[in-house]
Protein backbone atom coordinates (compact mmCIF):
# COMPACT_ATOMS: atom_id res chain seq x y z
CA SER A 1 -31.18 38.50 66.80
CA PHE A 2 -31.71 36.92 70.21
CA VAL A 3 -30.17 34.31 72.35
CA VAL A 4 -32.67 32.35 74.72
CA ASN A 5 -32.23 29.32 77.06
CA VAL A 6 -34.33 26.65 77.48
CA SER A 7 -33.56 24.34 79.98
CA GLY A 8 -29.65 24.48 79.78
CA LYS A 9 -30.16 24.69 75.95
CA ARG A 10 -29.48 27.96 73.13
CA PHE A 11 -31.54 28.89 70.93
CA PHE A 12 -29.89 31.34 68.51
CA HIS A 13 -33.22 33.43 66.02
CA ALA A 14 -30.33 35.74 63.88
CA GLY A 15 -33.39 37.46 62.99
CA ASP A 16 -32.09 39.72 59.73
CA LEU A 17 -27.91 39.13 61.26
CA ASN A 18 -25.84 38.01 58.41
CA ASN A 19 -22.91 38.46 56.36
CA TRP A 20 -25.66 40.53 53.59
CA HIS A 21 -21.77 41.67 51.89
CA TRP A 22 -23.74 41.36 47.94
CA ASN A 23 -20.54 41.37 46.50
CA GLU A 24 -21.71 41.02 42.95
CA GLU A 25 -23.85 44.18 43.07
CA VAL A 26 -21.41 46.38 45.20
CA PRO A 27 -17.94 48.24 44.99
CA LEU A 28 -15.46 46.18 46.65
CA LEU A 29 -14.84 48.99 49.37
CA GLU A 30 -18.87 48.91 50.47
CA SER A 31 -18.77 44.85 50.57
CA THR A 32 -16.45 44.56 52.92
CA GLY A 33 -18.13 47.15 55.20
CA TYR A 34 -20.64 45.22 55.60
CA GLU A 35 -18.97 41.76 56.22
CA ASN A 36 -17.06 43.64 58.90
CA SER A 37 -19.87 44.83 60.56
CA TYR A 38 -21.19 41.11 60.84
CA LEU A 39 -17.66 40.29 61.61
CA CYS A 40 -17.96 42.02 64.73
CA GLN A 41 -21.50 41.23 64.97
CA LEU A 42 -20.98 37.39 64.81
CA GLU A 43 -17.38 38.33 67.69
CA LEU A 44 -19.89 39.84 69.94
CA LEU A 45 -21.93 36.39 69.91
CA ALA A 46 -18.93 34.25 70.57
CA GLU A 47 -17.79 36.58 73.84
CA ASN A 48 -20.84 35.32 75.17
CA VAL A 49 -22.27 32.29 73.41
CA ASP A 50 -19.59 29.09 72.72
CA GLN A 51 -22.29 26.56 72.02
CA LEU A 52 -25.31 26.70 70.63
CA TYR A 53 -28.29 23.99 70.49
CA LEU A 54 -30.31 25.65 67.51
CA ALA A 55 -29.22 28.05 65.28
CA MET A 56 -32.28 29.82 63.16
CA PHE A 57 -30.42 31.82 60.31
CA PRO A 58 -30.46 33.68 57.28
CA VAL A 59 -29.18 31.66 54.21
CA ASP A 60 -30.37 34.30 51.29
CA PRO A 61 -29.28 32.85 47.93
CA ARG A 62 -29.97 36.41 46.51
CA LEU A 63 -26.87 37.64 48.04
CA GLY A 64 -25.52 35.46 44.51
CA ARG A 65 -22.94 33.07 44.52
CA ASP A 66 -21.46 33.62 48.10
CA TYR A 67 -24.74 33.25 49.06
CA MET A 68 -23.63 30.86 52.39
CA ARG A 69 -20.54 33.12 53.08
CA GLY A 70 -22.44 34.30 56.67
CA ALA A 71 -24.01 30.93 57.90
CA GLU A 72 -20.48 29.12 56.67
CA GLN A 73 -19.37 31.62 59.19
CA LEU A 74 -20.75 31.01 62.06
CA VAL A 75 -20.63 27.30 62.46
CA ASN A 76 -17.03 27.83 62.39
CA ARG A 77 -17.06 30.32 64.88
CA ILE A 78 -19.42 28.51 67.09
CA SER A 79 -20.31 25.10 67.75
CA THR A 80 -24.08 24.73 66.54
CA ASP A 81 -25.95 21.65 67.40
CA TYR A 82 -28.88 22.15 64.89
CA PHE A 83 -29.00 24.75 62.11
CA LEU A 84 -32.52 26.03 60.53
CA PRO A 85 -32.11 28.47 56.89
CA MET A 86 -34.43 31.00 56.88
CA HIS A 87 -35.27 33.79 54.58
CA PHE A 88 -34.42 31.88 51.93
CA GLY A 89 -37.95 31.95 49.88
CA GLU A 90 -39.12 28.74 48.26
CA ASN A 91 -34.73 27.98 46.79
CA TYR A 92 -35.29 24.99 49.15
CA GLU A 93 -32.96 23.39 46.81
CA LYS A 94 -30.20 25.92 46.81
CA VAL A 95 -31.01 26.41 51.12
CA ASN A 96 -30.48 22.79 51.76
CA ALA A 97 -26.94 23.16 49.94
CA PHE A 98 -25.93 24.40 52.89
CA SER A 99 -26.37 20.89 54.49
CA ARG A 100 -23.11 19.39 53.29
CA TYR A 101 -21.27 22.10 54.65
CA ALA A 102 -22.13 22.03 58.48
CA ARG A 103 -22.26 19.01 58.44
CA LEU A 104 -17.83 19.13 58.33
CA GLN A 105 -19.30 21.02 61.33
CA ASN A 106 -20.29 18.86 62.80
CA CYS A 107 -24.33 20.34 63.09
CA THR A 108 -26.75 18.82 62.03
CA TYR A 109 -29.35 20.92 59.10
CA LEU A 110 -32.69 20.60 59.46
CA ASN A 111 -33.34 20.02 55.52
CA VAL A 112 -36.35 22.60 54.15
CA TYR A 113 -38.74 21.32 52.01
CA LYS A 114 -42.27 23.40 52.16
CA LYS A 115 -43.75 26.08 53.71
CA GLY A 116 -45.20 25.31 57.49
CA GLN A 117 -42.85 22.71 57.58
CA SER A 118 -42.39 21.89 61.09
CA PHE A 119 -39.10 19.88 63.50
CA GLU A 120 -38.83 18.03 66.83
CA LEU A 121 -35.36 18.11 68.09
């Protein structure tokens, strides 16, 4: 993952950074380890960044019913103006369900409806 500053605005590309808990597929101890690793990385990011203009972050339905957990933890911990989901394949309806949660955090969610879609901020 990386953060880029452009004209005073911070853009965050998470890459594969996410809470890959897999809590429906692995034992609890293993799942907790994955989550703790993510939370440590999130805390390191928050120590250096208090505001994100745009976060590009995984919201991957393959994680099961808690697939939005990592994204929720990000926007709870770091104030984020715009959120663009990644790693969701063509599960547009499921990934766009995160828009409701983002709104509660005063974050504008960029709804994705098709491949190759572009946004102007």
